[in-house]
């Protein structure tokens, strides 16, 4: 019995439970919303957990104090040949451009709101209205009102429509920026 308990504690967890967030929820809960490109990344231990740090070059600020760069942390990564991964935690590549929905904890660490829910990839031709897309999460999600499992849906809209939605939601909150 003891061996089974020890073995189950040592096995990696394969799933996470996320609260499904609407776009308005993400806008409201985020302390910062920016458009930016991933410029670098590195992984490091914090205690016994590996976190990957991403440096983001900000090109547009939708919510929060103006800043040129922001550092974002996600759980998981590889350090000295040791790898940890966490369900729902995104992996970003240098040069990728996103609209990032971010929140900063009391300790000053900045996270992506709702993990993959808070990332809208940007695609399109230069000189055209880019398309912002958030893929549906494959992780277990719960409806915040019923606490029942729900499926997530992808969300696609033009960058100008996303920009307008953020501004309208912030205006409805009393002008929070």
Foldseek 3Di string as FASTA:
>chain_A
DVVVVVVVVPDDDDADEFADDDLLRLLVQFQWKFKWFFADKDWDDDDNWIKIKTKTQGDGTLAHDDDGIDIAIWTWDDDPRDTDDYALADDDDGGWIWTFRWHADPVGHIYGVRHLVRTWTWDDDPPDFIKTKRQWGPGFYAHPVPRDTDTGHIDIDTPVVSSVVSQVSCVVVPNHD
